[in-house]
Amino acid sequence: VLAYRKFESRAVKGKTCVEIQFRLDDKIGVTFTNSSVLERQLDTFKDMMPFEASIKKIHNYYTFT
């Protein structure tokens, strides 16, 4: 995970959307999510960026592992 930014979601009114910039196989990519768990984890570990992680689905939510 290289960076992230938050903005108001266009898909879900009143929710925050998070854009996550990442590197995979030496290519830069971007993904978007409304996951409050991922948003909270990004806020917690923002001073440790860049960091290596995978996104895993656990029951009904996504988390960094």
N, C-alpha and C. Protein backbone atom coordinates (compact mmCIF):
# COMPACT_ATOMS: atom_id res chain seq x y z
N VAL A 1 0.86 -1.17 0.00
CA VAL A 1 0.00 0.00 0.00
C VAL A 1 0.90 1.23 0.00
N LEU A 2 0.73 2.07 -1.01
CA LEU A 2 1.57 3.25 -1.16
C LEU A 2 0.95 4.51 -0.56
N ALA A 3 -0.35 4.69 -0.79
CA ALA A 3 -1.03 5.90 -0.34
C ALA A 3 -2.53 5.68 -0.37
N TYR A 4 -3.26 6.63 0.22
CA TYR A 4 -4.71 6.58 0.15
C TYR A 4 -5.27 7.99 0.31
N ARG A 5 -6.50 8.15 -0.11
CA ARG A 5 -7.21 9.42 0.11
C ARG A 5 -8.68 9.10 0.31
N LYS A 6 -9.36 9.96 1.04
CA LYS A 6 -10.78 9.76 1.34
C LYS A 6 -11.59 10.89 0.72
N PHE A 7 -12.79 10.55 0.27
CA PHE A 7 -13.70 11.56 -0.27
C PHE A 7 -15.12 11.04 -0.13
N GLU A 8 -16.08 11.92 -0.34
CA GLU A 8 -17.49 11.55 -0.22
C GLU A 8 -17.87 10.59 -1.35
N SER A 9 -18.50 9.50 -0.98
CA SER A 9 -18.90 8.48 -1.95
C SER A 9 -19.99 9.00 -2.86
N ARG A 10 -19.85 8.73 -4.14
CA ARG A 10 -20.91 9.06 -5.10
C ARG A 10 -21.93 7.94 -5.16
N ALA A 11 -21.51 6.73 -4.82
CA ALA A 11 -22.38 5.56 -4.89
C ALA A 11 -23.31 5.45 -3.69
N VAL A 12 -22.79 5.80 -2.50
CA VAL A 12 -23.56 5.66 -1.27
C VAL A 12 -23.55 7.01 -0.55
N LYS A 13 -24.66 7.70 -0.59
CA LYS A 13 -24.75 9.03 0.01
C LYS A 13 -24.48 8.96 1.51
N GLY A 14 -23.68 9.91 2.01
CA GLY A 14 -23.36 9.97 3.42
C GLY A 14 -22.22 9.06 3.85
N LYS A 15 -21.65 8.31 2.92
CA LYS A 15 -20.54 7.41 3.24
C LYS A 15 -19.25 7.97 2.67
N THR A 16 -18.15 7.52 3.22
CA THR A 16 -16.83 7.90 2.73
C THR A 16 -16.31 6.82 1.79
N CYS A 17 -15.71 7.23 0.71
CA CYS A 17 -15.05 6.31 -0.21
C CYS A 17 -13.55 6.48 -0.01
N VAL A 18 -12.83 5.38 -0.07
CA VAL A 18 -11.39 5.42 0.08
C VAL A 18 -10.74 4.92 -1.21
N GLU A 19 -9.82 5.72 -1.74
CA GLU A 19 -9.03 5.33 -2.89
C GLU A 19 -7.68 4.85 -2.36
N ILE A 20 -7.32 3.62 -2.69
CA ILE A 20 -6.08 3.02 -2.21
C ILE A 20 -5.13 2.83 -3.39
N GLN A 21 -3.94 3.41 -3.28
CA GLN A 21 -2.92 3.24 -4.31
C GLN A 21 -1.97 2.14 -3.84
N PHE A 22 -1.68 1.19 -4.72
CA PHE A 22 -0.85 0.06 -4.35
C PHE A 22 0.09 -0.32 -5.48
N ARG A 23 1.09 -1.12 -5.14
CA ARG A 23 2.02 -1.67 -6.13
C ARG A 23 1.85 -3.19 -6.11
N LEU A 24 1.68 -3.76 -7.30
CA LEU A 24 1.56 -5.21 -7.46
C LEU A 24 2.37 -5.61 -8.67
N ASP A 25 3.34 -6.49 -8.48
CA ASP A 25 4.20 -6.94 -9.57
C ASP A 25 4.85 -5.76 -10.31
N ASP A 26 5.37 -4.81 -9.55
CA ASP A 26 6.06 -3.63 -10.09
C ASP A 26 5.18 -2.71 -10.92
N LYS A 27 3.86 -2.84 -10.78
CA LYS A 27 2.93 -1.94 -11.44
C LYS A 27 2.12 -1.22 -10.37
N ILE A 28 1.83 0.05 -10.63
CA ILE A 28 1.03 0.85 -9.71
C ILE A 28 -0.44 0.69 -10.09
N GLY A 29 -1.28 0.46 -9.08
CA GLY A 29 -2.71 0.32 -9.30
C GLY A 29 -3.50 1.11 -8.27
N VAL A 30 -4.79 1.25 -8.52
CA VAL A 30 -5.69 1.96 -7.62
C VAL A 30 -6.96 1.16 -7.48
N THR A 31 -7.50 1.12 -6.27
CA THR A 31 -8.79 0.50 -6.03
C THR A 31 -9.60 1.41 -5.13
N PHE A 32 -10.91 1.24 -5.16
CA PHE A 32 -11.82 2.06 -4.36
C PHE A 32 -12.64 1.15 -3.45
N THR A 33 -12.95 1.65 -2.24
CA THR A 33 -13.73 0.87 -1.31
C THR A 33 -14.55 1.78 -0.40
N ASN A 34 -15.67 1.25 0.09
CA ASN A 34 -16.47 1.90 1.13
C ASN A 34 -16.26 1.22 2.47
N SER A 35 -15.29 0.31 2.55
CA SER A 35 -15.04 -0.47 3.77
C SER A 35 -14.58 0.42 4.92
N SER A 36 -15.39 0.47 5.97
CA SER A 36 -15.00 1.27 7.14
C SER A 36 -13.85 0.61 7.89
N VAL A 37 -13.73 -0.71 7.82
CA VAL A 37 -12.62 -1.42 8.47
C VAL A 37 -11.30 -1.04 7.79
N LEU A 38 -11.26 -1.10 6.46
CA LEU A 38 -10.04 -0.72 5.74
C LEU A 38 -9.72 0.76 5.97
N GLU A 39 -10.72 1.61 5.97
CA GLU A 39 -10.51 3.04 6.22
C GLU A 39 -9.89 3.26 7.59
N ARG A 40 -10.42 2.59 8.61
CA ARG A 40 -9.90 2.73 9.97
C ARG A 40 -8.46 2.22 10.05
N GLN A 41 -8.17 1.09 9.40
CA GLN A 41 -6.81 0.56 9.41
C GLN A 41 -5.84 1.49 8.69
N LEU A 42 -6.25 2.07 7.58
CA LEU A 42 -5.39 3.02 6.86
C LEU A 42 -5.10 4.24 7.73
N ASP A 43 -6.11 4.76 8.41
CA ASP A 43 -5.90 5.90 9.30
C ASP A 43 -4.94 5.55 10.43
N THR A 44 -5.06 4.34 10.97
CA THR A 44 -4.20 3.90 12.07
C THR A 44 -2.75 3.76 11.64
N PHE A 45 -2.51 3.22 10.44
CA PHE A 45 -1.16 2.91 9.99
C PHE A 45 -0.61 3.88 8.94
N LYS A 46 -1.21 5.07 8.81
CA LYS A 46 -0.77 6.01 7.78
C LYS A 46 0.68 6.44 7.94
N ASP A 47 1.19 6.46 9.17
CA ASP A 47 2.58 6.85 9.39
C ASP A 47 3.56 5.74 9.05
N MET A 48 3.06 4.55 8.77
CA MET A 48 3.92 3.41 8.44
C MET A 48 3.95 3.13 6.94
N MET A 49 3.34 4.01 6.13
CA MET A 49 3.31 3.80 4.69
C MET A 49 4.66 4.09 4.08
N PRO A 50 5.04 3.41 3.04
CA PRO A 50 4.30 2.30 2.43
C PRO A 50 4.45 1.04 3.27
N PHE A 51 3.44 0.16 3.18
CA PHE A 51 3.51 -1.12 3.88
C PHE A 51 2.98 -2.22 2.98
N GLU A 52 3.37 -3.45 3.31
CA GLU A 52 2.97 -4.62 2.53
C GLU A 52 1.80 -5.29 3.23
N ALA A 53 0.75 -5.61 2.46
CA ALA A 53 -0.43 -6.24 3.04
C ALA A 53 -1.24 -6.91 1.94
N SER A 54 -2.13 -7.77 2.37
CA SER A 54 -3.14 -8.36 1.49
C SER A 54 -4.50 -7.94 2.04
N ILE A 55 -5.48 -7.90 1.17
CA ILE A 55 -6.85 -7.65 1.62
C ILE A 55 -7.56 -8.98 1.65
N LYS A 56 -8.14 -9.29 2.79
CA LYS A 56 -8.81 -10.57 2.98
C LYS A 56 -10.25 -10.34 3.42
N LYS A 57 -11.18 -11.13 2.88
CA LYS A 57 -12.57 -11.05 3.30
C LYS A 57 -12.78 -12.02 4.46
N ILE A 58 -13.26 -11.50 5.57
CA ILE A 58 -13.58 -12.31 6.74
C ILE A 58 -15.06 -12.11 7.03
N HIS A 59 -15.82 -13.16 6.83
CA HIS A 59 -17.28 -13.12 6.98
C HIS A 59 -17.87 -12.02 6.09
N ASN A 60 -18.29 -10.89 6.67
CA ASN A 60 -18.95 -9.85 5.87
C ASN A 60 -18.14 -8.55 5.78
N TYR A 61 -16.83 -8.60 6.06
CA TYR A 61 -16.02 -7.40 5.95
C TYR A 61 -14.65 -7.72 5.38
N TYR A 62 -13.96 -6.67 4.92
CA TYR A 62 -12.61 -6.80 4.37
C TYR A 62 -11.61 -6.20 5.36
N THR A 63 -10.42 -6.79 5.42
CA THR A 63 -9.38 -6.32 6.33
C THR A 63 -8.01 -6.53 5.71
N PHE A 64 -7.05 -5.72 6.14
CA PHE A 64 -5.67 -5.95 5.73
C PHE A 64 -5.08 -7.06 6.58
N THR A 65 -4.30 -7.93 5.95
CA THR A 65 -3.62 -8.99 6.69
C THR A 65 -2.14 -8.94 6.39
